[in-house]
PDB file of all heavy atoms in Angstrom:
ATOM      1  N   GLY A   1       0.777  -1.225   0.000  1.00  0.00           N
ATOM      2  CA  GLY A   1       0.000   0.000   0.000  1.00  0.00           C
ATOM      3  C   GLY A   1       0.812   1.280   0.000  1.00  0.00           C
ATOM      4  O   GLY A   1       0.240   2.372   0.111  1.00  0.00           O
ATOM      5  N   LYS A   2       2.123   1.154  -0.139  1.00  0.00           N
ATOM      6  CA  LYS A   2       2.981   2.338  -0.110  1.00  0.00           C
ATOM      7  C   LYS A   2       3.812   2.435  -1.386  1.00  0.00           C
ATOM      8  O   LYS A   2       3.943   1.472  -2.135  1.00  0.00           O
ATOM      9  CB  LYS A   2       3.899   2.307   1.112  1.00  0.00           C
ATOM     10  CG  LYS A   2       3.156   2.394   2.439  1.00  0.00           C
ATOM     11  CD  LYS A   2       4.117   2.527   3.593  1.00  0.00           C
ATOM     12  CE  LYS A   2       3.361   2.677   4.904  1.00  0.00           C
ATOM     13  NZ  LYS A   2       4.290   2.828   6.061  1.00  0.00           N
ATOM     14  N   GLN A   3       4.366   3.610  -1.604  1.00  0.00           N
ATOM     15  CA  GLN A   3       5.216   3.801  -2.769  1.00  0.00           C
ATOM     16  C   GLN A   3       6.600   3.204  -2.540  1.00  0.00           C
ATOM     17  O   GLN A   3       7.057   3.085  -1.398  1.00  0.00           O
ATOM     18  CB  GLN A   3       5.347   5.306  -3.066  1.00  0.00           C
ATOM     19  CG  GLN A   3       4.082   5.952  -3.603  1.00  0.00           C
ATOM     20  CD  GLN A   3       4.318   7.378  -4.071  1.00  0.00           C
ATOM     21  OE1 GLN A   3       5.192   8.075  -3.543  1.00  0.00           O
ATOM     22  NE2 GLN A   3       3.554   7.807  -5.060  1.00  0.00           N
ATOM     23  N   ARG A   4       7.233   2.857  -3.610  1.00  0.00           N
ATOM     24  CA  ARG A   4       8.598   2.367  -3.538  1.00  0.00           C
ATOM     25  C   ARG A   4       9.511   3.521  -3.106  1.00  0.00           C
ATOM     26  O   ARG A   4       9.371   4.649  -3.577  1.00  0.00           O
ATOM     27  CB  ARG A   4       9.051   1.823  -4.890  1.00  0.00           C
ATOM     28  CG  ARG A   4      10.308   1.006  -4.854  1.00  0.00           C
ATOM     29  CD  ARG A   4      10.582   0.329  -6.194  1.00  0.00           C
ATOM     30  NE  ARG A   4       9.517  -0.601  -6.550  1.00  0.00           N
ATOM     31  CZ  ARG A   4       9.590  -1.425  -7.593  1.00  0.00           C
ATOM     32  NH1 ARG A   4      10.664  -1.419  -8.370  1.00  0.00           N
ATOM     33  NH2 ARG A   4       8.588  -2.229  -7.880  1.00  0.00           N
ATOM     34  N   GLU A   5      10.440   3.191  -2.200  1.00  0.00           N
ATOM     35  CA  GLU A   5      11.323   4.221  -1.683  1.00  0.00           C
ATOM     36  C   GLU A   5      12.767   3.749  -1.664  1.00  0.00           C
ATOM     37  O   GLU A   5      13.044   2.551  -1.524  1.00  0.00           O
ATOM     38  CB  GLU A   5      10.906   4.609  -0.260  1.00  0.00           C
ATOM     39  CG  GLU A   5      10.979   3.471   0.742  1.00  0.00           C
ATOM     40  CD  GLU A   5      10.567   3.890   2.159  1.00  0.00           C
ATOM     41  OE1 GLU A   5      10.144   5.039   2.348  1.00  0.00           O
ATOM     42  OE2 GLU A   5      10.702   3.050   3.068  1.00  0.00           O
ATOM     43  N   LEU A   6      13.660   4.707  -1.776  1.00  0.00           N
ATOM     44  CA  LEU A   6      15.082   4.402  -1.695  1.00  0.00           C
ATOM     45  C   LEU A   6      15.452   4.009  -0.274  1.00  0.00           C
ATOM     46  O   LEU A   6      15.039   4.654   0.689  1.00  0.00           O
ATOM     47  CB  LEU A   6      15.905   5.621  -2.106  1.00  0.00           C
ATOM     48  CG  LEU A   6      17.418   5.497  -1.927  1.00  0.00           C
ATOM     49  CD1 LEU A   6      18.013   4.508  -2.914  1.00  0.00           C
ATOM     50  CD2 LEU A   6      18.082   6.859  -2.047  1.00  0.00           C
ATOM     51  N   VAL A   7      16.246   2.956  -0.165  1.00  0.00           N
ATOM     52  CA  VAL A   7      16.822   2.562   1.116  1.00  0.00           C
ATOM     53  C   VAL A   7      18.269   3.042   1.178  1.00  0.00           C
ATOM     54  O   VAL A   7      18.679   3.722   2.116  1.00  0.00           O
ATOM     55  CB  VAL A   7      16.766   1.038   1.317  1.00  0.00           C
ATOM     56  CG1 VAL A   7      17.445   0.651   2.630  1.00  0.00           C
ATOM     57  CG2 VAL A   7      15.324   0.550   1.284  1.00  0.00           C
ATOM     58  N   ALA A   8      19.054   2.680   0.163  1.00  0.00           N
ATOM     59  CA  ALA A   8      20.455   3.086   0.102  1.00  0.00           C
ATOM     60  C   ALA A   8      20.971   2.842  -1.301  1.00  0.00           C
ATOM     61  O   ALA A   8      20.462   1.961  -2.010  1.00  0.00           O
ATOM     62  CB  ALA A   8      21.300   2.303   1.110  1.00  0.00           C
ATOM     63  N   ASN A   9      21.966   3.616  -1.690  1.00  0.00           N
ATOM     64  CA  ASN A   9      22.667   3.314  -2.936  1.00  0.00           C
ATOM     65  C   ASN A   9      24.155   3.597  -2.780  1.00  0.00           C
ATOM     66  O   ASN A   9      24.590   4.228  -1.808  1.00  0.00           O
ATOM     67  CB  ASN A   9      22.067   4.047  -4.143  1.00  0.00           C
ATOM     68  CG  ASN A   9      22.106   5.554  -4.014  1.00  0.00           C
ATOM     69  OD1 ASN A   9      22.900   6.111  -3.258  1.00  0.00           O
ATOM     70  ND2 ASN A   9      21.265   6.230  -4.780  1.00  0.00           N
ATOM     71  N   ILE A  10      24.906   3.066  -3.737  1.00  0.00           N
ATOM     72  CA  ILE A  10      26.352   3.198  -3.701  1.00  0.00           C
ATOM     73  C   ILE A  10      26.856   3.444  -5.116  1.00  0.00           C
ATOM     74  O   ILE A  10      26.488   2.722  -6.055  1.00  0.00           O
ATOM     75  CB  ILE A  10      27.009   1.954  -3.055  1.00  0.00           C
ATOM     76  CG1 ILE A  10      28.525   2.121  -2.957  1.00  0.00           C
ATOM     77  CG2 ILE A  10      26.620   0.661  -3.752  1.00  0.00           C
ATOM     78  CD1 ILE A  10      29.183   1.075  -2.048  1.00  0.00           C
ATOM     79  N   GLY A  11      27.664   4.475  -5.260  1.00  0.00           N
ATOM     80  CA  GLY A  11      28.171   4.833  -6.571  1.00  0.00           C
ATOM     81  C   GLY A  11      29.390   4.015  -6.965  1.00  0.00           C
ATOM     82  O   GLY A  11      29.931   3.227  -6.185  1.00  0.00           O
ATOM     83  N   SER A  12      29.829   4.265  -8.198  1.00  0.00           N
ATOM     84  CA  SER A  12      31.001   3.556  -8.700  1.00  0.00           C
ATOM     85  C   SER A  12      32.256   3.917  -7.906  1.00  0.00           C
ATOM     86  O   SER A  12      33.211   3.142  -7.852  1.00  0.00           O
ATOM     87  CB  SER A  12      31.216   3.872 -10.183  1.00  0.00           C
ATOM     88  OG  SER A  12      31.359   5.270 -10.376  1.00  0.00           O
ATOM     89  N   ASN A  13      32.226   5.093  -7.263  1.00  0.00           N
ATOM     90  CA  ASN A  13      33.368   5.522  -6.451  1.00  0.00           C
ATOM     91  C   ASN A  13      33.248   5.080  -4.997  1.00  0.00           C
ATOM     92  O   ASN A  13      34.077   5.433  -4.172  1.00  0.00           O
ATOM     93  CB  ASN A  13      33.506   7.042  -6.496  1.00  0.00           C
ATOM     94  CG  ASN A  13      32.259   7.758  -6.014  1.00  0.00           C
ATOM     95  OD1 ASN A  13      31.305   7.120  -5.564  1.00  0.00           O
ATOM     96  ND2 ASN A  13      32.257   9.072  -6.105  1.00  0.00           N
ATOM     97  N   GLY A  14      32.204   4.318  -4.712  1.00  0.00           N
ATOM     98  CA  GLY A  14      32.007   3.822  -3.353  1.00  0.00           C
ATOM     99  C   GLY A  14      31.236   4.758  -2.441  1.00  0.00           C
ATOM    100  O   GLY A  14      30.987   4.433  -1.282  1.00  0.00           O
ATOM    101  N   ARG A  15      30.846   5.890  -2.968  1.00  0.00           N
ATOM    102  CA  ARG A  15      30.103   6.838  -2.152  1.00  0.00           C
ATOM    103  C   ARG A  15      28.695   6.289  -1.889  1.00  0.00           C
ATOM    104  O   ARG A  15      28.016   5.826  -2.796  1.00  0.00           O
ATOM    105  CB  ARG A  15      30.008   8.186  -2.843  1.00  0.00           C
ATOM    106  CG  ARG A  15      29.393   9.281  -2.001  1.00  0.00           C
ATOM    107  CD  ARG A  15      29.583  10.636  -2.646  1.00  0.00           C
ATOM    108  NE  ARG A  15      29.068  11.720  -1.809  1.00  0.00           N
ATOM    109  CZ  ARG A  15      29.225  13.011  -2.098  1.00  0.00           C
ATOM    110  NH1 ARG A  15      29.886  13.366  -3.190  1.00  0.00           N
ATOM    111  NH2 ARG A  15      28.743  13.926  -1.289  1.00  0.00           N
ATOM    112  N   THR A  16      28.266   6.388  -0.638  1.00  0.00           N
ATOM    113  CA  THR A  16      26.984   5.825  -0.239  1.00  0.00           C
ATOM    114  C   THR A  16      25.983   6.911   0.125  1.00  0.00           C
ATOM    115  O   THR A  16      26.332   8.016   0.519  1.00  0.00           O
ATOM    116  CB  THR A  16      27.137   4.875   0.950  1.00  0.00           C
ATOM    117  OG1 THR A  16      27.745   5.593   2.047  1.00  0.00           O
ATOM    118  CG2 THR A  16      28.028   3.691   0.597  1.00  0.00           C
ATOM    119  N   ASN A  17      24.715   6.528   0.012  1.00  0.00           N
ATOM    120  CA  ASN A  17      23.618   7.422   0.336  1.00  0.00           C
ATOM    121  C   ASN A  17      22.542   6.576   1.001  1.00  0.00           C
ATOM    122  O   ASN A  17      22.201   5.502   0.494  1.00  0.00           O
ATOM    123  CB  ASN A  17      23.072   8.067  -0.938  1.00  0.00           C
ATOM    124  CG  ASN A  17      21.888   8.951  -0.675  1.00  0.00           C
ATOM    125  OD1 ASN A  17      21.894   9.754   0.240  1.00  0.00           O
ATOM    126  ND2 ASN A  17      20.847   8.805  -1.483  1.00  0.00           N
ATOM    127  N   TYR A  18      22.041   7.054   2.157  1.00  0.00           N
ATOM    128  CA  TYR A  18      21.061   6.285   2.909  1.00  0.00           C
ATOM    129  C   TYR A  18      19.800   7.104   3.180  1.00  0.00           C
ATOM    130  O   TYR A  18      19.879   8.305   3.439  1.00  0.00           O
ATOM    131  CB  TYR A  18      21.632   5.856   4.262  1.00  0.00           C
ATOM    132  CG  TYR A  18      22.741   4.848   4.193  1.00  0.00           C
ATOM    133  CD1 TYR A  18      24.073   5.251   4.154  1.00  0.00           C
ATOM    134  CD2 TYR A  18      22.457   3.481   4.183  1.00  0.00           C
ATOM    135  CE1 TYR A  18      25.097   4.319   4.097  1.00  0.00           C
ATOM    136  CE2 TYR A  18      23.481   2.544   4.125  1.00  0.00           C
ATOM    137  CZ  TYR A  18      24.797   2.968   4.082  1.00  0.00           C
ATOM    138  OH  TYR A  18      25.803   2.043   4.024  1.00  0.00           O
ATOM    139  N   ALA A  19      18.685   6.419   3.173  1.00  0.00           N
ATOM    140  CA  ALA A  19      17.462   7.027   3.677  1.00  0.00           C
ATOM    141  C   ALA A  19      17.610   7.208   5.180  1.00  0.00           C
ATOM    142  O   ALA A  19      18.348   6.461   5.836  1.00  0.00           O
ATOM    143  CB  ALA A  19      16.267   6.131   3.374  1.00  0.00           C
ATOM    144  N   ASP A  20      16.907   8.183   5.713  1.00  0.00           N
ATOM    145  CA  ASP A  20      17.003   8.429   7.154  1.00  0.00           C
ATOM    146  C   ASP A  20      16.632   7.184   7.961  1.00  0.00           C
ATOM    147  O   ASP A  20      17.224   6.901   9.003  1.00  0.00           O
ATOM    148  CB  ASP A  20      16.093   9.593   7.553  1.00  0.00           C
ATOM    149  CG  ASP A  20      16.631  10.937   7.094  1.00  0.00           C
ATOM    150  OD1 ASP A  20      17.837  11.015   6.759  1.00  0.00           O
ATOM    151  OD2 ASP A  20      15.844  11.903   7.060  1.00  0.00           O
ATOM    152  N   SER A  21      15.668   6.424   7.462  1.00  0.00           N
ATOM    153  CA  SER A  21      15.221   5.231   8.183  1.00  0.00           C
ATOM    154  C   SER A  21      16.280   4.139   8.221  1.00  0.00           C
ATOM    155  O   SER A  21      16.208   3.227   9.046  1.00  0.00           O
ATOM    156  CB  SER A  21      13.938   4.693   7.542  1.00  0.00           C
ATOM    157  OG  SER A  21      14.180   4.355   6.188  1.00  0.00           O
ATOM    158  N   ALA A  22      17.243   4.223   7.325  1.00  0.00           N
ATOM    159  CA  ALA A  22      18.282   3.191   7.230  1.00  0.00           C
ATOM    160  C   ALA A  22      19.585   3.582   7.928  1.00  0.00           C
ATOM    161  O   ALA A  22      20.386   2.704   8.263  1.00  0.00           O
ATOM    162  CB  ALA A  22      18.565   2.885   5.764  1.00  0.00           C
ATOM    163  N   LYS A  23      19.766   4.848   8.167  1.00  0.00           N
ATOM    164  CA  LYS A  23      21.028   5.314   8.741  1.00  0.00           C
ATOM    165  C   LYS A  23      21.255   4.703  10.121  1.00  0.00           C
ATOM    166  O   LYS A  23      20.365   4.690  10.968  1.00  0.00           O
ATOM    167  CB  LYS A  23      21.025   6.843   8.836  1.00  0.00           C
ATOM    168  CG  LYS A  23      21.127   7.538   7.500  1.00  0.00           C
ATOM    169  CD  LYS A  23      21.058   9.050   7.648  1.00  0.00           C
ATOM    170  CE  LYS A  23      21.133   9.734   6.289  1.00  0.00           C
ATOM    171  NZ  LYS A  23      20.983  11.204   6.392  1.00  0.00           N
ATOM    172  N   GLY A  24      22.452   4.173  10.302  1.00  0.00           N
ATOM    173  CA  GLY A  24      22.822   3.597  11.582  1.00  0.00           C
ATOM    174  C   GLY A  24      22.419   2.145  11.761  1.00  0.00           C
ATOM    175  O   GLY A  24      22.870   1.494  12.708  1.00  0.00           O
ATOM    176  N   ARG A  25      21.553   1.647  10.868  1.00  0.00           N
ATOM    177  CA  ARG A  25      21.109   0.255  10.989  1.00  0.00           C
ATOM    178  C   ARG A  25      21.500  -0.590   9.779  1.00  0.00           C
ATOM    179  O   ARG A  25      21.776  -1.777   9.909  1.00  0.00           O
ATOM    180  CB  ARG A  25      19.583   0.197  11.155  1.00  0.00           C
ATOM    181  CG  ARG A  25      19.053   0.900  12.372  1.00  0.00           C
ATOM    182  CD  ARG A  25      17.555   0.609  12.565  1.00  0.00           C
ATOM    183  NE  ARG A  25      16.771   1.057  11.418  1.00  0.00           N
ATOM    184  CZ  ARG A  25      15.878   0.284  10.800  1.00  0.00           C
ATOM    185  NH1 ARG A  25      15.674  -0.953  11.194  1.00  0.00           N
ATOM    186  NH2 ARG A  25      15.182   0.760   9.775  1.00  0.00           N
ATOM    187  N   PHE A  26      21.471   0.031   8.607  1.00  0.00           N
ATOM    188  CA  PHE A  26      21.744  -0.707   7.364  1.00  0.00           C
ATOM    189  C   PHE A  26      23.082  -0.258   6.789  1.00  0.00           C
ATOM    190  O   PHE A  26      23.488   0.899   6.934  1.00  0.00           O
ATOM    191  CB  PHE A  26      20.656  -0.422   6.335  1.00  0.00           C
ATOM    192  CG  PHE A  26      19.281  -0.902   6.688  1.00  0.00           C
ATOM    193  CD1 PHE A  26      19.022  -1.572   7.884  1.00  0.00           C
ATOM    194  CD2 PHE A  26      18.219  -0.687   5.814  1.00  0.00           C
ATOM    195  CE1 PHE A  26      17.744  -2.007   8.203  1.00  0.00           C
ATOM    196  CE2 PHE A  26      16.941  -1.123   6.125  1.00  0.00           C
ATOM    197  CZ  PHE A  26      16.701  -1.770   7.311  1.00  0.00           C
ATOM    198  N   THR A  27      23.736  -1.195   6.109  1.00  0.00           N
ATOM    199  CA  THR A  27      24.995  -0.884   5.437  1.00  0.00           C
ATOM    200  C   THR A  27      24.973  -1.460   4.031  1.00  0.00           C
ATOM    201  O   THR A  27      24.744  -2.666   3.859  1.00  0.00           O
ATOM    202  CB  THR A  27      26.197  -1.460   6.198  1.00  0.00           C
ATOM    203  OG1 THR A  27      26.217  -0.947   7.534  1.00  0.00           O
ATOM    204  CG2 THR A  27      27.502  -1.087   5.507  1.00  0.00           C
ATOM    205  N   ILE A  28      25.208  -0.598   3.062  1.00  0.00           N
ATOM    206  CA  ILE A  28      25.288  -1.052   1.678  1.00  0.00           C
ATOM    207  C   ILE A  28      26.760  -1.173   1.301  1.00  0.00           C
ATOM    208  O   ILE A  28      27.597  -0.359   1.714  1.00  0.00           O
ATOM    209  CB  ILE A  28      24.550  -0.091   0.714  1.00  0.00           C
ATOM    210  CG1 ILE A  28      24.445  -0.694  -0.681  1.00  0.00           C
ATOM    211  CG2 ILE A  28      25.201   1.291   0.690  1.00  0.00           C
ATOM    212  CD1 ILE A  28      23.515   0.081  -1.612  1.00  0.00           C
ATOM    213  N   SER A  29      27.065  -2.212   0.530  1.00  0.00           N
ATOM    214  CA  SER A  29      28.434  -2.413   0.071  1.00  0.00           C
ATOM    215  C   SER A  29      28.396  -3.096  -1.288  1.00  0.00           C
ATOM    216  O   SER A  29      27.360  -3.623  -1.701  1.00  0.00           O
ATOM    217  CB  SER A  29      29.225  -3.251   1.084  1.00  0.00           C
ATOM    218  OG  SER A  29      28.639  -4.529   1.249  1.00  0.00           O
ATOM    219  N   ARG A  30      29.519  -3.073  -1.951  1.00  0.00           N
ATOM    220  CA  ARG A  30      29.586  -3.700  -3.274  1.00  0.00           C
ATOM    221  C   ARG A  30      30.904  -4.438  -3.415  1.00  0.00           C
ATOM    222  O   ARG A  30      31.933  -4.039  -2.843  1.00  0.00           O
ATOM    223  CB  ARG A  30      29.426  -2.661  -4.378  1.00  0.00           C
ATOM    224  CG  ARG A  30      30.522  -1.626  -4.448  1.00  0.00           C
ATOM    225  CD  ARG A  30      30.143  -0.480  -5.426  1.00  0.00           C
ATOM    226  NE  ARG A  30      30.026  -0.952  -6.799  1.00  0.00           N
ATOM    227  CZ  ARG A  30      29.396  -0.273  -7.758  1.00  0.00           C
ATOM    228  NH1 ARG A  30      28.823   0.899  -7.482  1.00  0.00           N
ATOM    229  NH2 ARG A  30      29.341  -0.758  -8.988  1.00  0.00           N
ATOM    230  N   ASP A  31      30.858  -5.515  -4.207  1.00  0.00           N
ATOM    231  CA  ASP A  31      32.051  -6.273  -4.557  1.00  0.00           C
ATOM    232  C   ASP A  31      32.090  -6.323  -6.084  1.00  0.00           C
ATOM    233  O   ASP A  31      31.373  -7.116  -6.704  1.00  0.00           O
ATOM    234  CB  ASP A  31      31.985  -7.683  -3.956  1.00  0.00           C
ATOM    235  CG  ASP A  31      33.246  -8.484  -4.193  1.00  0.00           C
ATOM    236  OD1 ASP A  31      34.006  -8.164  -5.129  1.00  0.00           O
ATOM    237  OD2 ASP A  31      33.465  -9.445  -3.452  1.00  0.00           O
ATOM    238  N   ASN A  32      32.890  -5.469  -6.669  1.00  0.00           N
ATOM    239  CA  ASN A  32      32.928  -5.375  -8.127  1.00  0.00           C
ATOM    240  C   ASN A  32      33.456  -6.653  -8.775  1.00  0.00           C
ATOM    241  O   ASN A  32      33.086  -6.981  -9.894  1.00  0.00           O
ATOM    242  CB  ASN A  32      33.760  -4.179  -8.560  1.00  0.00           C
ATOM    243  CG  ASN A  32      33.094  -2.853  -8.234  1.00  0.00           C
ATOM    244  OD1 ASN A  32      31.869  -2.790  -8.043  1.00  0.00           O
ATOM    245  ND2 ASN A  32      33.881  -1.806  -8.154  1.00  0.00           N
ATOM    246  N   ALA A  33      34.303  -7.368  -8.065  1.00  0.00           N
ATOM    247  CA  ALA A  33      34.836  -8.617  -8.610  1.00  0.00           C
ATOM    248  C   ALA A  33      33.748  -9.680  -8.744  1.00  0.00           C
ATOM    249  O   ALA A  33      33.860 -10.579  -9.582  1.00  0.00           O
ATOM    250  CB  ALA A  33      35.964  -9.132  -7.732  1.00  0.00           C
ATOM    251  N   LYS A  34      32.709  -9.546  -7.911  1.00  0.00           N
ATOM    252  CA  LYS A  34      31.605 -10.515  -7.934  1.00  0.00           C
ATOM    253  C   LYS A  34      30.337  -9.934  -8.551  1.00  0.00           C
ATOM    254  O   LYS A  34      29.284 -10.584  -8.534  1.00  0.00           O
ATOM    255  CB  LYS A  34      31.311 -11.005  -6.519  1.00  0.00           C
ATOM    256  CG  LYS A  34      32.462 -11.782  -5.886  1.00  0.00           C
ATOM    257  CD  LYS A  34      32.086 -12.276  -4.501  1.00  0.00           C
ATOM    258  CE  LYS A  34      33.231 -13.092  -3.893  1.00  0.00           C
ATOM    259  NZ  LYS A  34      32.889 -13.590  -2.531  1.00  0.00           N
ATOM    260  N   ASN A  35      30.422  -8.704  -9.059  1.00  0.00           N
ATOM    261  CA  ASN A  35      29.233  -8.043  -9.638  1.00  0.00           C
ATOM    262  C   ASN A  35      28.056  -8.060  -8.661  1.00  0.00           C
ATOM    263  O   ASN A  35      26.914  -8.275  -9.068  1.00  0.00           O
ATOM    264  CB  ASN A  35      28.816  -8.714 -10.945  1.00  0.00           C
ATOM    265  CG  ASN A  35      29.707  -8.330 -12.102  1.00  0.00           C
ATOM    266  OD1 ASN A  35      30.753  -7.702 -11.913  1.00  0.00           O
ATOM    267  ND2 ASN A  35      29.317  -8.704 -13.304  1.00  0.00           N
ATOM    268  N   THR A  36      28.343  -7.818  -7.412  1.00  0.00           N
ATOM    269  CA  THR A  36      27.335  -7.985  -6.364  1.00  0.00           C
ATOM    270  C   THR A  36      27.276  -6.758  -5.460  1.00  0.00           C
ATOM    271  O   THR A  36      28.312  -6.185  -5.108  1.00  0.00           O
ATOM    272  CB  THR A  36      27.652  -9.232  -5.515  1.00  0.00           C
ATOM    273  OG1 THR A  36      27.696 -10.379  -6.375  1.00  0.00           O
ATOM    274  CG2 THR A  36      26.580  -9.453  -4.453  1.00  0.00           C
ATOM    275  N   VAL A  37      26.048  -6.405  -5.100  1.00  0.00           N
ATOM    276  CA  VAL A  37      25.821  -5.377  -4.092  1.00  0.00           C
ATOM    277  C   VAL A  37      25.076  -6.026  -2.934  1.00  0.00           C
ATOM    278  O   VAL A  37      24.233  -6.908  -3.134  1.00  0.00           O
ATOM    279  CB  VAL A  37      25.026  -4.178  -4.665  1.00  0.00           C
ATOM    280  CG1 VAL A  37      23.685  -4.605  -5.229  1.00  0.00           C
ATOM    281  CG2 VAL A  37      24.878  -3.072  -3.642  1.00  0.00           C
ATOM    282  N   TYR A  38      25.430  -5.600  -1.736  1.00  0.00           N
ATOM    283  CA  TYR A  38      24.859  -6.182  -0.523  1.00  0.00           C
ATOM    284  C   TYR A  38      24.136  -5.115   0.283  1.00  0.00           C
ATOM    285  O   TYR A  38      24.455  -3.929   0.205  1.00  0.00           O
ATOM    286  CB  TYR A  38      25.969  -6.775   0.348  1.00  0.00           C
ATOM    287  CG  TYR A  38      26.823  -7.802  -0.329  1.00  0.00           C
ATOM    288  CD1 TYR A  38      28.065  -7.453  -0.873  1.00  0.00           C
ATOM    289  CD2 TYR A  38      26.407  -9.126  -0.433  1.00  0.00           C
ATOM    290  CE1 TYR A  38      28.861  -8.396  -1.499  1.00  0.00           C
ATOM    291  CE2 TYR A  38      27.203 -10.075  -1.063  1.00  0.00           C
ATOM    292  CZ  TYR A  38      28.434  -9.700  -1.592  1.00  0.00           C
ATOM    293  OH  TYR A  38      29.215 -10.632  -2.213  1.00  0.00           O
ATOM    294  N   LEU A  39      23.202  -5.577   1.083  1.00  0.00           N
ATOM    295  CA  LEU A  39      22.568  -4.703   2.064  1.00  0.00           C
ATOM    296  C   LEU A  39      22.506  -5.464   3.379  1.00  0.00           C
ATOM    297  O   LEU A  39      21.733  -6.420   3.511  1.00  0.00           O
ATOM    298  CB  LEU A  39      21.163  -4.275   1.634  1.00  0.00           C
ATOM    299  CG  LEU A  39      20.489  -3.267   2.565  1.00  0.00           C
ATOM    300  CD1 LEU A  39      21.208  -1.922   2.506  1.00  0.00           C
ATOM    301  CD2 LEU A  39      19.007  -3.096   2.213  1.00  0.00           C
ATOM    302  N   GLN A  40      23.339  -5.058   4.306  1.00  0.00           N
ATOM    303  CA  GLN A  40      23.309  -5.630   5.644  1.00  0.00           C
ATOM    304  C   GLN A  40      22.316  -4.840   6.476  1.00  0.00           C
ATOM    305  O   GLN A  40      22.455  -3.626   6.622  1.00  0.00           O
ATOM    306  CB  GLN A  40      24.699  -5.558   6.290  1.00  0.00           C
ATOM    307  CG  GLN A  40      24.749  -6.044   7.724  1.00  0.00           C
ATOM    308  CD  GLN A  40      24.478  -7.536   7.837  1.00  0.00           C
ATOM    309  OE1 GLN A  40      25.041  -8.340   7.091  1.00  0.00           O
ATOM    310  NE2 GLN A  40      23.609  -7.908   8.763  1.00  0.00           N
ATOM    311  N   MET A  41      21.327  -5.526   7.011  1.00  0.00           N
ATOM    312  CA  MET A  41      20.269  -4.871   7.772  1.00  0.00           C
ATOM    313  C   MET A  41      20.286  -5.394   9.203  1.00  0.00           C
ATOM    314  O   MET A  41      20.140  -6.599   9.421  1.00  0.00           O
ATOM    315  CB  MET A  41      18.907  -5.141   7.130  1.00  0.00           C
ATOM    316  CG  MET A  41      18.835  -4.725   5.667  1.00  0.00           C
ATOM    317  SD  MET A  41      17.166  -4.861   4.976  1.00  0.00           S
ATOM    318  CE  MET A  41      16.962  -6.634   4.980  1.00  0.00           C
ATOM    319  N   ASN A  42      20.484  -4.496  10.132  1.00  0.00           N
ATOM    320  CA  ASN A  42      20.499  -4.838  11.555  1.00  0.00           C
ATOM    321  C   ASN A  42      19.361  -4.131  12.274  1.00  0.00           C
ATOM    322  O   ASN A  42      18.780  -3.170  11.766  1.00  0.00           O
ATOM    323  CB  ASN A  42      21.841  -4.445  12.164  1.00  0.00           C
ATOM    324  CG  ASN A  42      23.015  -5.161  11.530  1.00  0.00           C
ATOM    325  OD1 ASN A  42      22.914  -6.316  11.106  1.00  0.00           O
ATOM    326  ND2 ASN A  42      24.152  -4.478  11.452  1.00  0.00           N
ATOM    327  N   SER A  43      19.073  -4.603  13.460  1.00  0.00           N
ATOM    328  CA  SER A  43      18.034  -3.992  14.292  1.00  0.00           C
ATOM    329  C   SER A  43      16.730  -3.808  13.519  1.00  0.00           C
ATOM    330  O   SER A  43      16.105  -2.739  13.538  1.00  0.00           O
ATOM    331  CB  SER A  43      18.517  -2.637  14.841  1.00  0.00           C
ATOM    332  OG  SER A  43      19.698  -2.782  15.597  1.00  0.00           O
ATOM    333  N   LEU A  44      16.317  -4.840  12.848  1.00  0.00           N
ATOM    334  CA  LEU A  44      15.113  -4.761  12.021  1.00  0.00           C
ATOM    335  C   LEU A  44      13.875  -4.589  12.891  1.00  0.00           C
ATOM    336  O   LEU A  44      13.799  -5.114  14.004  1.00  0.00           O
ATOM    337  CB  LEU A  44      14.990  -6.019  11.171  1.00  0.00           C
ATOM    338  CG  LEU A  44      15.980  -6.092   9.995  1.00  0.00           C
ATOM    339  CD1 LEU A  44      16.097  -7.523   9.488  1.00  0.00           C
ATOM    340  CD2 LEU A  44      15.518  -5.165   8.879  1.00  0.00           C
ATOM    341  N   ASN A  45      12.923  -3.826  12.363  1.00  0.00           N
ATOM    342  CA  ASN A  45      11.641  -3.675  13.041  1.00  0.00           C
ATOM    343  C   ASN A  45      10.519  -3.921  12.043  1.00  0.00           C
ATOM    344  O   ASN A  45      10.743  -4.055  10.834  1.00  0.00           O
ATOM    345  CB  ASN A  45      11.546  -2.287  13.694  1.00  0.00           C
ATOM    346  CG  ASN A  45      11.768  -1.163  12.709  1.00  0.00           C
ATOM    347  OD1 ASN A  45      11.046  -1.048  11.722  1.00  0.00           O
ATOM    348  ND2 ASN A  45      12.764  -0.313  12.970  1.00  0.00           N
TER     349      ASN A  45
END
């Protein structure tokens, strides 16, 4: 019932951007060798 929203993104230079709701709890990372991006989510509610 809600709109899609940004959680976090990461640029090619490794710069990250987080939604306020994700700051301090979620961590985005990337492994270019594996063509993979991760989202570690802690303290989920």
